[in-house]
N, C-alpha and C. Protein backbone atom coordinates (compact mmCIF):
# COMPACT_ATOMS: atom_id res chain seq x y z
N TYR A 1 1.11 -1.16 0.46
CA TYR A 1 0.04 0.10 -0.18
C TYR A 1 0.74 1.72 0.08
N LYS A 2 2.63 1.40 0.86
CA LYS A 2 2.42 2.25 0.67
C LYS A 2 3.31 2.46 -0.51
N ARG A 3 4.24 2.12 -1.21
CA ARG A 3 5.31 2.05 -2.26
C ARG A 3 3.82 2.48 -3.40
N SER A 4 2.13 2.06 -3.91
CA SER A 4 2.77 2.51 -4.81
C SER A 4 1.04 3.31 -4.21
N GLY A 5 1.21 4.34 -2.79
CA GLY A 5 0.59 5.55 -3.11
C GLY A 5 -0.79 5.30 -2.69
N ILE A 6 -1.43 4.33 -1.87
CA ILE A 6 -2.58 4.04 -2.09
C ILE A 6 -2.64 4.51 -0.45
N GLU A 7 -2.16 3.68 0.22
CA GLU A 7 -2.33 4.08 1.73
C GLU A 7 -2.59 4.85 1.86
N ALA A 8 -1.14 6.32 1.43
CA ALA A 8 -1.27 7.75 1.85
C ALA A 8 -2.88 8.45 1.58
N ALA A 9 -3.10 7.90 0.17
CA ALA A 9 -4.16 8.42 -0.30
C ALA A 9 -5.88 7.85 0.24
N ALA A 10 -5.41 6.91 1.31
CA ALA A 10 -6.31 6.18 1.08
C ALA A 10 -6.97 7.28 3.00
N LYS A 11 -5.50 7.58 3.51
CA LYS A 11 -5.59 8.21 5.02
C LYS A 11 -5.75 9.26 4.58
N GLN A 12 -5.61 9.94 3.48
CA GLN A 12 -5.74 11.51 3.21
C GLN A 12 -7.16 11.77 3.17
N ALA A 13 -8.40 10.60 2.86
CA ALA A 13 -9.49 10.48 1.93
C ALA A 13 -10.06 10.33 3.58
N GLY A 14 -8.90 9.53 4.63
CA GLY A 14 -9.34 9.83 5.58
C GLY A 14 -10.46 8.52 6.16
N ALA A 15 -9.86 7.18 5.30
CA ALA A 15 -10.01 5.28 5.43
C ALA A 15 -9.20 4.68 5.93
N ASP A 16 -9.30 4.35 7.03
CA ASP A 16 -8.63 3.12 7.81
C ASP A 16 -8.22 1.94 6.82
N VAL A 17 -6.82 2.15 6.95
CA VAL A 17 -6.26 1.48 6.13
C VAL A 17 -5.96 -0.15 6.49
N ARG A 18 -6.65 -1.08 6.77
CA ARG A 18 -6.27 -2.17 6.99
C ARG A 18 -5.20 -3.31 6.24
N HIS A 19 -4.56 -3.41 6.94
CA HIS A 19 -3.35 -4.60 6.31
C HIS A 19 -3.64 -6.54 6.50
N VAL A 20 -3.52 -7.25 5.72
CA VAL A 20 -4.31 -8.27 5.43
C VAL A 20 -3.51 -9.15 7.25
N ASP A 21 -4.59 -9.53 7.88
CA ASP A 21 -4.38 -10.39 9.15
C ASP A 21 -5.03 -11.61 9.58
N ASP A 22 -4.43 -12.52 9.53
CA ASP A 22 -5.51 -14.44 9.65
C ASP A 22 -6.17 -13.99 10.72
N ASN A 23 -5.94 -12.85 11.92
CA ASN A 23 -6.87 -12.83 13.50
C ASN A 23 -7.69 -11.97 13.57
N ARG A 24 -8.05 -11.77 11.28
CA ARG A 24 -9.19 -11.09 11.14
C ARG A 24 -10.20 -11.75 10.69
N LEU A 25 -9.55 -13.64 10.49
CA LEU A 25 -10.24 -14.63 9.64
C LEU A 25 -11.61 -14.40 10.20
N VAL A 26 -13.28 -14.61 9.89
CA VAL A 26 -14.09 -15.72 10.59
C VAL A 26 -14.94 -16.60 9.29
N VAL A 27 -15.50 -17.91 9.23
CA VAL A 27 -15.93 -18.54 8.40
C VAL A 27 -16.96 -17.65 7.59
N HIS A 28 -17.04 -18.21 6.54
CA HIS A 28 -18.61 -17.44 5.93
C HIS A 28 -19.20 -18.94 4.94
N ASP A 29 -19.93 -19.18 5.27
CA ASP A 29 -21.19 -19.52 4.23
C ASP A 29 -21.26 -19.18 3.10
N PHE A 30 -20.36 -20.10 2.24
CA PHE A 30 -21.07 -19.56 0.80
C PHE A 30 -22.81 -19.99 0.13
N LYS A 31 -22.79 -21.15 0.38
CA LYS A 31 -23.75 -21.53 0.33
C LYS A 31 -23.25 -22.37 -1.41
N GLY A 32 -22.52 -22.66 -1.46
CA GLY A 32 -22.48 -22.89 -2.89
C GLY A 32 -22.08 -24.72 -3.21
N SER A 33 -21.75 -24.54 -4.52
CA SER A 33 -21.57 -25.67 -4.81
C SER A 33 -20.37 -26.94 -4.55
N ARG A 34 -19.70 -25.73 -5.56
CA ARG A 34 -17.82 -26.35 -5.03
C ARG A 34 -17.27 -25.25 -3.04
N LEU A 35 -17.83 -23.71 -3.57
CA LEU A 35 -16.78 -23.48 -2.59
C LEU A 35 -17.93 -23.22 -1.11
N GLN A 36 -17.92 -23.58 -0.38
CA GLN A 36 -18.69 -23.48 0.96
C GLN A 36 -19.00 -22.76 2.00
N ARG A 37 -18.57 -22.94 3.36
CA ARG A 37 -17.67 -22.75 4.58
C ARG A 37 -16.07 -21.70 4.01
N TRP A 38 -16.11 -21.08 3.95
CA TRP A 38 -14.10 -20.79 4.04
C TRP A 38 -14.37 -19.21 5.04
N PRO A 39 -12.78 -19.74 4.86
CA PRO A 39 -12.61 -18.17 5.65
C PRO A 39 -12.43 -16.90 4.77
N VAL A 40 -12.64 -15.44 5.57
CA VAL A 40 -12.58 -14.10 4.94
C VAL A 40 -12.58 -13.34 5.48
N TYR A 41 -11.80 -12.36 5.51
CA TYR A 41 -11.51 -11.42 6.04
C TYR A 41 -12.94 -10.42 6.77
N LYS A 42 -13.10 -10.76 7.63
CA LYS A 42 -14.64 -10.46 7.95
C LYS A 42 -14.54 -8.75 7.53
N ASP A 43 -13.44 -7.71 7.15
CA ASP A 43 -13.49 -6.40 7.17
C ASP A 43 -14.79 -6.26 5.53
N PHE A 44 -14.52 -7.46 5.43
CA PHE A 44 -15.75 -7.44 4.12
C PHE A 44 -17.28 -7.67 4.32
N LEU A 45 -17.46 -8.97 5.30
CA LEU A 45 -18.44 -8.47 6.19
C LEU A 45 -19.68 -7.30 6.71
N GLU A 46 -18.23 -6.72 7.26
CA GLU A 46 -19.27 -5.00 7.91
C GLU A 46 -19.15 -3.92 7.28
N VAL A 47 -19.37 -3.31 6.08
CA VAL A 47 -18.77 -2.60 5.52
C VAL A 47 -21.26 -2.67 4.60
N ASP A 48 -21.51 -1.22 4.74
CA ASP A 48 -22.17 -1.03 4.20
C ASP A 48 -22.85 -1.40 2.94
N LYS A 49 -21.15 -0.86 2.68
CA LYS A 49 -21.65 -1.48 0.53
C LYS A 49 -20.37 -2.03 0.33
N PHE A 50 -20.40 -2.62 -0.30
CA PHE A 50 -19.65 -3.30 -0.87
C PHE A 50 -19.25 -2.87 -2.79
N ILE A 51 -17.75 -2.19 -2.61
CA ILE A 51 -17.95 -2.05 -4.60
C ILE A 51 -16.58 -2.78 -4.68
N ASN A 52 -16.63 -3.24 -6.22
CA ASN A 52 -15.42 -4.56 -6.41
C ASN A 52 -14.79 -3.86 -7.35
N VAL A 53 -13.26 -3.60 -7.58
CA VAL A 53 -12.72 -2.51 -8.85
C VAL A 53 -11.53 -3.57 -9.54
N PRO A 54 -12.23 -4.40 -10.00
CA PRO A 54 -10.84 -5.32 -10.52
C PRO A 54 -10.67 -4.47 -11.34
N ILE A 55 -9.27 -5.48 -12.46
CA ILE A 55 -8.37 -4.84 -13.12
C ILE A 55 -8.39 -5.54 -14.29
N LEU A 56 -9.09 -5.86 -15.77
CA LEU A 56 -9.29 -6.88 -16.18
C LEU A 56 -8.16 -6.95 -16.77
N LYS A 57 -7.66 -8.68 -16.75
CA LYS A 57 -6.74 -9.20 -17.12
C LYS A 57 -6.77 -10.20 -17.84
N HIS A 58 -6.52 -11.44 -18.70
CA HIS A 58 -5.62 -12.44 -18.49
C HIS A 58 -5.09 -13.07 -17.55
N HIS A 59 -5.64 -14.56 -17.25
CA HIS A 59 -5.37 -15.41 -15.99
C HIS A 59 -5.62 -17.31 -16.91
N GLY A 60 -4.52 -17.06 -16.58
CA GLY A 60 -3.77 -18.55 -17.13
C GLY A 60 -4.93 -19.46 -16.81
N SER A 61 -5.09 -19.47 -15.05
CA SER A 61 -5.88 -20.76 -15.09
C SER A 61 -7.34 -20.34 -14.86
N SER A 62 -7.40 -19.28 -14.62
CA SER A 62 -9.47 -18.73 -15.03
C SER A 62 -9.82 -18.63 -16.48
N GLY A 63 -9.21 -18.89 -17.31
CA GLY A 63 -9.52 -17.69 -17.92
C GLY A 63 -8.78 -15.60 -18.15
N LEU A 64 -9.55 -15.61 -17.27
CA LEU A 64 -10.01 -14.35 -17.45
C LEU A 64 -10.40 -13.94 -15.83
N THR A 65 -9.00 -12.37 -15.20
CA THR A 65 -9.56 -11.73 -13.63
C THR A 65 -10.35 -11.04 -14.07
N ILE A 66 -11.70 -11.20 -13.90
CA ILE A 66 -12.78 -9.90 -13.25
C ILE A 66 -13.34 -9.99 -12.22
N GLY A 67 -14.51 -9.67 -12.74
CA GLY A 67 -14.96 -9.00 -10.69
C GLY A 67 -15.91 -10.34 -9.99
N MET A 68 -15.85 -11.49 -10.50
CA MET A 68 -16.23 -12.57 -9.99
C MET A 68 -14.73 -13.29 -9.24
N LYS A 69 -13.18 -13.01 -10.09
CA LYS A 69 -12.34 -14.24 -9.41
C LYS A 69 -12.12 -13.24 -8.76
N ASN A 70 -11.81 -11.51 -8.84
CA ASN A 70 -10.97 -10.49 -7.85
C ASN A 70 -11.82 -10.72 -6.80
N LEU A 71 -12.68 -11.41 -6.79
CA LEU A 71 -13.10 -11.49 -5.33
C LEU A 71 -12.08 -12.73 -4.14
N TYR A 72 -11.44 -12.88 -4.75
CA TYR A 72 -11.06 -14.55 -4.48
C TYR A 72 -9.81 -13.23 -2.80
N GLY A 73 -9.66 -11.95 -3.49
CA GLY A 73 -8.78 -11.50 -2.42
C GLY A 73 -9.39 -11.04 -0.94
N ILE A 74 -11.34 -11.56 -1.02
CA ILE A 74 -11.44 -11.50 0.46
C ILE A 74 -11.38 -12.34 1.21
N LEU A 75 -10.88 -13.66 0.30
CA LEU A 75 -10.69 -15.05 1.54
C LEU A 75 -9.36 -15.07 1.54
N GLY A 76 -9.40 -15.62 2.63
CA GLY A 76 -7.81 -16.01 3.92
C GLY A 76 -7.54 -18.09 3.59
N GLY A 77 -7.31 -19.08 3.74
CA GLY A 77 -7.05 -20.41 3.89
C GLY A 77 -6.47 -20.12 2.78
N ASN A 78 -6.40 -21.33 2.54
CA ASN A 78 -5.08 -21.65 0.85
C ASN A 78 -6.56 -21.95 -0.68
N ARG A 79 -5.64 -20.65 -1.18
CA ARG A 79 -6.85 -20.68 -1.98
C ARG A 79 -6.55 -21.93 -3.04
N GLY A 80 -5.75 -22.42 -3.33
CA GLY A 80 -5.22 -23.24 -4.08
C GLY A 80 -5.44 -24.22 -3.83
N LYS A 81 -6.59 -24.90 -3.24
CA LYS A 81 -7.61 -25.78 -3.49
C LYS A 81 -8.84 -25.18 -4.14
N LEU A 82 -9.02 -24.07 -4.14
CA LEU A 82 -9.81 -23.95 -5.16
C LEU A 82 -9.46 -23.75 -6.16
N HIS A 83 -8.24 -24.42 -6.44
CA HIS A 83 -8.12 -24.38 -8.31
C HIS A 83 -8.70 -25.57 -9.16
N ARG A 84 -9.17 -26.57 -8.14
CA ARG A 84 -10.03 -27.82 -9.02
C ARG A 84 -11.52 -26.95 -9.47
N ASN A 85 -11.74 -27.51 -10.66
CA ASN A 85 -12.88 -26.64 -11.09
C ASN A 85 -13.20 -25.43 -10.22
N MET A 86 -12.04 -25.11 -11.13
CA MET A 86 -12.20 -23.13 -10.10
C MET A 86 -13.15 -22.00 -11.32
N GLY A 87 -13.82 -22.44 -12.19
CA GLY A 87 -15.26 -22.04 -12.94
C GLY A 87 -16.36 -21.34 -11.59
N MET A 88 -16.28 -23.56 -11.19
CA MET A 88 -17.30 -23.06 -9.93
C MET A 88 -17.77 -22.56 -8.97
N SER A 89 -15.66 -22.80 -8.43
CA SER A 89 -15.08 -22.18 -7.79
C SER A 89 -15.88 -20.26 -7.65
N ILE A 90 -15.48 -19.97 -8.74
CA ILE A 90 -15.26 -18.31 -8.35
C ILE A 90 -16.73 -18.37 -8.83
N ALA A 91 -17.66 -19.52 -9.72
CA ALA A 91 -19.09 -18.18 -9.52
C ALA A 91 -19.46 -18.57 -8.52
N ASP A 92 -19.56 -19.71 -7.46
CA ASP A 92 -20.01 -20.35 -5.73
C ASP A 92 -19.81 -18.44 -4.95
N LEU A 93 -18.76 -18.09 -5.39
CA LEU A 93 -17.97 -16.84 -4.14
C LEU A 93 -18.48 -15.19 -5.11
N GLY A 94 -18.78 -15.35 -6.28
CA GLY A 94 -19.08 -14.02 -6.75
C GLY A 94 -21.40 -14.36 -6.09
N HIS A 95 -20.99 -16.16 -6.41
CA HIS A 95 -23.50 -15.53 -5.85
C HIS A 95 -23.46 -15.75 -3.97
N GLY A 96 -22.28 -16.17 -3.60
CA GLY A 96 -22.26 -15.71 -2.47
C GLY A 96 -21.70 -15.34 -1.10
N PHE A 97 -21.48 -13.85 -2.27
CA PHE A 97 -21.03 -12.82 -1.83
C PHE A 97 -21.82 -11.76 -2.16
N LYS A 98 -22.07 -10.76 -1.77
CA LYS A 98 -23.47 -9.49 -2.22
C LYS A 98 -21.66 -8.20 -2.87
N THR A 99 -21.99 -7.84 -3.43
CA THR A 99 -21.02 -6.97 -4.10
C THR A 99 -22.01 -5.74 -4.49
N HIS A 100 -22.10 -4.99 -3.81
CA HIS A 100 -23.09 -3.39 -4.38
C HIS A 100 -22.72 -3.12 -6.08
N LEU A 101 -21.31 -2.93 -6.06
CA LEU A 101 -21.46 -2.45 -7.08
C LEU A 101 -19.88 -2.67 -7.85
N THR A 102 -19.97 -2.84 -9.06
CA THR A 102 -18.04 -3.58 -10.05
C THR A 102 -18.05 -2.50 -10.90
N ILE A 103 -17.06 -2.14 -10.98
CA ILE A 103 -16.49 -1.30 -11.84
C ILE A 103 -15.33 -1.88 -12.18
N ILE A 104 -14.96 -2.21 -13.28
CA ILE A 104 -14.31 -2.60 -14.22
C ILE A 104 -13.07 -2.30 -14.68
N ASP A 105 -11.93 -1.97 -14.32
CA ASP A 105 -11.36 -1.09 -15.17
C ASP A 105 -10.30 -1.92 -16.48
N ALA A 106 -10.74 -1.45 -17.07
CA ALA A 106 -10.54 -2.04 -18.69
C ALA A 106 -9.99 -1.11 -19.68
N TYR A 107 -8.94 0.32 -18.97
CA TYR A 107 -8.38 0.95 -19.64
C TYR A 107 -7.99 1.07 -20.37
N ARG A 108 -6.86 -0.27 -19.61
CA ARG A 108 -5.19 -1.07 -19.94
C ARG A 108 -5.51 -2.09 -20.21
N SER A 109 -5.61 -3.33 -20.71
CA SER A 109 -6.25 -4.51 -20.30
C SER A 109 -5.04 -5.35 -20.93
N LEU A 110 -4.53 -6.65 -19.96
CA LEU A 110 -3.64 -7.25 -20.33
C LEU A 110 -4.14 -8.63 -20.89
N MET A 111 -3.78 -8.59 -22.08
CA MET A 111 -4.81 -9.35 -23.25
C MET A 111 -3.92 -10.97 -23.52
N ARG A 112 -2.60 -11.57 -22.96
CA ARG A 112 -1.97 -12.64 -23.14
C ARG A 112 -1.23 -13.18 -21.82
N ASN A 113 -0.69 -13.88 -21.54
CA ASN A 113 0.16 -14.11 -20.32
C ASN A 113 -0.02 -13.68 -19.14
N GLY A 114 -0.78 -13.66 -18.54
CA GLY A 114 -1.43 -12.73 -16.86
C GLY A 114 -1.72 -14.44 -16.56
N PRO A 115 -1.51 -14.54 -15.29
CA PRO A 115 -1.21 -12.60 -14.72
C PRO A 115 -0.15 -11.94 -14.01
N THR A 116 0.76 -12.64 -14.72
CA THR A 116 2.04 -12.34 -13.77
C THR A 116 2.73 -12.40 -15.89
N GLY A 117 2.65 -13.50 -16.07
CA GLY A 117 3.82 -13.23 -17.56
C GLY A 117 4.06 -12.62 -18.29
N GLY A 118 2.44 -11.47 -18.15
CA GLY A 118 3.13 -10.90 -19.02
C GLY A 118 3.65 -9.69 -19.36
N ARG A 119 3.72 -9.01 -21.20
CA ARG A 119 4.77 -8.08 -21.72
C ARG A 119 4.25 -7.12 -21.84
N ILE A 120 4.32 -5.63 -22.32
CA ILE A 120 3.72 -4.36 -22.80
C ILE A 120 3.14 -4.82 -24.40
N SER A 121 3.91 -6.19 -24.52
CA SER A 121 3.36 -6.16 -25.63
C SER A 121 1.76 -6.92 -25.99
N ASP A 122 1.40 -7.63 -24.58
CA ASP A 122 0.71 -8.07 -24.21
C ASP A 122 -0.96 -7.03 -24.16
N VAL A 123 -0.36 -5.82 -23.70
CA VAL A 123 -1.40 -5.19 -23.63
C VAL A 123 -1.90 -4.24 -24.40
N GLU A 124 -3.28 -4.17 -24.63
CA GLU A 124 -3.96 -3.07 -24.95
C GLU A 124 -4.50 -2.30 -24.92
N MET A 125 -4.75 -1.24 -25.10
CA MET A 125 -5.64 0.87 -25.01
C MET A 125 -6.65 -0.02 -25.18
N LYS A 126 -7.73 -0.67 -24.05
CA LYS A 126 -9.12 -1.03 -24.09
C LYS A 126 -10.29 0.48 -24.24
N LYS A 127 -9.20 1.86 -23.09
CA LYS A 127 -10.38 2.60 -23.04
C LYS A 127 -11.47 2.67 -22.03
N THR A 128 -12.07 1.53 -21.86
CA THR A 128 -13.33 1.27 -21.18
C THR A 128 -13.54 1.17 -19.94
N VAL A 129 -14.07 1.79 -19.34
CA VAL A 129 -14.14 0.94 -18.17
C VAL A 129 -15.79 0.44 -17.84
N ILE A 130 -16.03 -0.23 -17.11
CA ILE A 130 -17.08 -0.59 -17.44
C ILE A 130 -18.48 -0.66 -15.25
N ALA A 131 -18.85 -0.37 -15.00
CA ALA A 131 -20.11 -0.74 -13.72
C ALA A 131 -20.80 -0.95 -14.31
N SER A 132 -21.38 -1.76 -12.99
CA SER A 132 -22.57 -2.59 -13.53
C SER A 132 -22.88 -3.47 -11.89
N GLU A 133 -24.59 -2.74 -11.51
CA GLU A 133 -24.85 -3.51 -10.30
C GLU A 133 -24.87 -5.60 -10.35
N SER A 134 -24.93 -5.57 -11.54
CA SER A 134 -24.86 -7.26 -11.45
C SER A 134 -22.98 -7.73 -12.30
N ILE A 135 -22.41 -8.66 -11.16
CA ILE A 135 -21.56 -9.00 -11.14
C ILE A 135 -21.40 -10.13 -12.37
N LEU A 136 -22.19 -10.46 -12.25
CA LEU A 136 -22.13 -11.80 -13.68
C LEU A 136 -22.26 -10.34 -14.88
N GLU A 137 -23.55 -9.52 -14.97
CA GLU A 137 -23.60 -8.97 -16.20
C GLU A 137 -22.10 -7.74 -16.67
N ALA A 138 -21.07 -6.74 -15.98
CA ALA A 138 -20.52 -6.53 -15.99
C ALA A 138 -18.91 -7.91 -16.60
N ASP A 139 -18.98 -8.67 -15.39
CA ASP A 139 -17.63 -9.53 -16.50
C ASP A 139 -18.37 -10.26 -17.68
N VAL A 140 -19.51 -9.97 -18.41
CA VAL A 140 -19.74 -10.15 -19.87
C VAL A 140 -19.61 -9.24 -20.44
N VAL A 141 -19.68 -8.41 -20.40
CA VAL A 141 -19.55 -7.11 -21.02
C VAL A 141 -17.87 -7.04 -20.83
N ALA A 142 -16.61 -7.40 -20.18
CA ALA A 142 -15.85 -7.42 -19.83
C ALA A 142 -14.66 -8.36 -20.86
N VAL A 143 -15.49 -9.48 -21.09
CA VAL A 143 -15.26 -10.69 -22.33
C VAL A 143 -15.30 -10.13 -23.47
N ASN A 144 -16.29 -9.33 -23.61
CA ASN A 144 -16.70 -9.14 -25.04
C ASN A 144 -15.63 -7.94 -25.30
N LEU A 145 -14.75 -7.64 -24.38
CA LEU A 145 -13.32 -7.00 -25.06
C LEU A 145 -12.05 -7.90 -25.34
N PHE A 146 -12.83 -9.05 -24.91
CA PHE A 146 -11.21 -9.66 -25.98
C PHE A 146 -12.39 -10.95 -27.24
N GLY A 147 -13.15 -10.20 -26.77
CA GLY A 147 -13.86 -11.03 -28.44
C GLY A 147 -14.02 -12.84 -27.96
N VAL A 148 -14.47 -13.13 -26.91
CA VAL A 148 -15.17 -14.63 -26.83
C VAL A 148 -16.35 -14.80 -26.24
N ASP A 149 -17.02 -15.77 -26.71
CA ASP A 149 -18.30 -16.34 -26.24
C ASP A 149 -18.33 -16.73 -25.05
N PRO A 150 -18.69 -15.37 -24.52
CA PRO A 150 -18.69 -15.55 -22.38
C PRO A 150 -19.07 -16.52 -21.80
N VAL A 151 -20.10 -17.46 -22.38
CA VAL A 151 -19.76 -18.99 -21.74
C VAL A 151 -19.25 -20.14 -22.24
N LYS A 152 -17.88 -19.29 -23.01
CA LYS A 152 -17.01 -19.94 -22.91
C LYS A 152 -15.63 -19.85 -22.13
N ILE A 153 -16.10 -19.23 -21.10
CA ILE A 153 -15.21 -19.31 -19.80
C ILE A 153 -15.62 -19.80 -18.72
N GLY A 154 -15.30 -20.07 -18.31
CA GLY A 154 -16.07 -20.86 -16.84
C GLY A 154 -16.77 -21.01 -15.90
N PHE A 155 -16.11 -20.04 -15.32
CA PHE A 155 -17.01 -19.11 -14.41
C PHE A 155 -18.21 -18.54 -14.40
N ILE A 156 -18.42 -17.93 -15.90
CA ILE A 156 -19.06 -17.11 -17.18
C ILE A 156 -20.73 -18.54 -16.14
N GLN A 157 -20.39 -19.83 -17.31
CA GLN A 157 -21.44 -21.26 -17.29
C GLN A 157 -21.73 -20.98 -16.62
N ALA A 158 -20.72 -21.42 -15.28
CA ALA A 158 -21.05 -22.00 -13.94
C ALA A 158 -22.20 -20.50 -13.01
N ALA A 159 -21.66 -18.94 -13.09
CA ALA A 159 -22.31 -17.95 -12.52
C ALA A 159 -24.35 -18.73 -13.67
N ALA A 160 -24.15 -18.88 -15.05
CA ALA A 160 -25.90 -19.15 -15.04
C ALA A 160 -26.09 -19.62 -15.18
N GLU A 161 -25.60 -20.48 -15.01
CA GLU A 161 -26.23 -21.92 -14.30
C GLU A 161 -27.07 -21.57 -13.63
N LYS A 162 -26.51 -20.09 -12.09
CA LYS A 162 -26.59 -20.27 -10.24
C LYS A 162 -28.38 -19.01 -11.06
N SER A 163 -28.20 -18.68 -12.28
CA SER A 163 -29.01 -17.93 -12.82
C SER A 163 -28.74 -16.45 -11.74
N MET A 164 -27.83 -16.06 -11.93
CA MET A 164 -27.31 -14.54 -11.73
C MET A 164 -27.58 -14.00 -12.26
N GLY A 165 -27.24 -14.48 -13.16
CA GLY A 165 -27.73 -12.16 -14.34
C GLY A 165 -27.55 -12.56 -16.26
N GLN A 166 -27.89 -12.13 -16.79
CA GLN A 166 -28.09 -12.31 -18.20
C GLN A 166 -26.26 -12.10 -19.07
N THR A 167 -26.21 -13.66 -19.28
CA THR A 167 -25.05 -13.96 -20.11
C THR A 167 -24.58 -13.38 -21.88
N ASP A 168 -26.10 -12.90 -21.95
CA ASP A 168 -26.13 -12.65 -23.92
C ASP A 168 -25.86 -11.34 -23.70
N PHE A 169 -24.52 -11.04 -24.21
CA PHE A 169 -24.30 -9.58 -24.54
C PHE A 169 -25.08 -8.65 -24.76
N ASN A 170 -26.08 -8.84 -25.97
CA ASN A 170 -26.86 -8.14 -26.67
C ASN A 170 -28.11 -8.08 -25.66
N GLN A 171 -28.31 -8.87 -24.87
CA GLN A 171 -29.62 -8.03 -24.24
C GLN A 171 -29.17 -6.85 -22.77
N ILE A 172 -28.10 -7.36 -22.84
CA ILE A 172 -27.39 -6.28 -21.22
C ILE A 172 -28.29 -5.29 -21.62
N ASN A 173 -28.41 -4.30 -20.75
CA ASN A 173 -29.09 -2.69 -20.85
C ASN A 173 -27.96 -2.12 -20.46
N LEU A 174 -26.63 -1.56 -22.36
CA LEU A 174 -25.90 -0.84 -21.70
C LEU A 174 -25.84 0.59 -22.48
N LYS A 175 -25.41 1.38 -21.25
CA LYS A 175 -25.54 3.30 -21.82
C LYS A 175 -23.88 3.80 -21.58
N THR A 176 -23.64 3.59 -22.91
CA THR A 176 -22.20 4.31 -23.54
C THR A 176 -21.72 5.73 -23.14
N PHE A 177 -20.69 6.18 -22.92
CA PHE A 177 -19.78 7.79 -23.05
C PHE A 177 -19.14 8.26 -23.24
N LYS A 178 -18.98 8.75 -24.28
CA LYS A 178 -17.81 9.41 -24.66
C LYS A 178 -17.10 10.22 -24.04
N ILE A 179 -15.77 10.56 -23.58
CA ILE A 179 -15.35 11.42 -22.53
C ILE A 179 -14.06 11.84 -23.50
């Protein structure tokens, strides 16, 4: 937090900056088929509103990191166990934890070799920000930037099976703004 400048900016705005601390883990029941009871940092359960702000990027295991995959950050414990049937684990996470708003930063997007092995040549300027109260629909719109059928992404297909929202890009009510 300190190196990125986030800590100073957050404190200046009056925020309480908390670092990861396993003493603040509590078990949350996601009521999922793959992800059931799992340790979560209680800070995320005690907020009035939860705003999820992922950066759109390619991910070798899940296909993409978007809103639902970004929620791995609320989890404690051995998240490596969730890599088996990862699509369902991610969908269970998105279904079992309430996000009030998802804002996807797709201004510069890592299109290949992610999440950590990308080169600057793997980055494309999409100059896009996506915001939605539906985490699934935000993810579907983001997948469209990759030119991929959303239901070919495991966690999107699993979320569709949970009736979490619309997966047909053409059926999502979009508003675009030119800045």
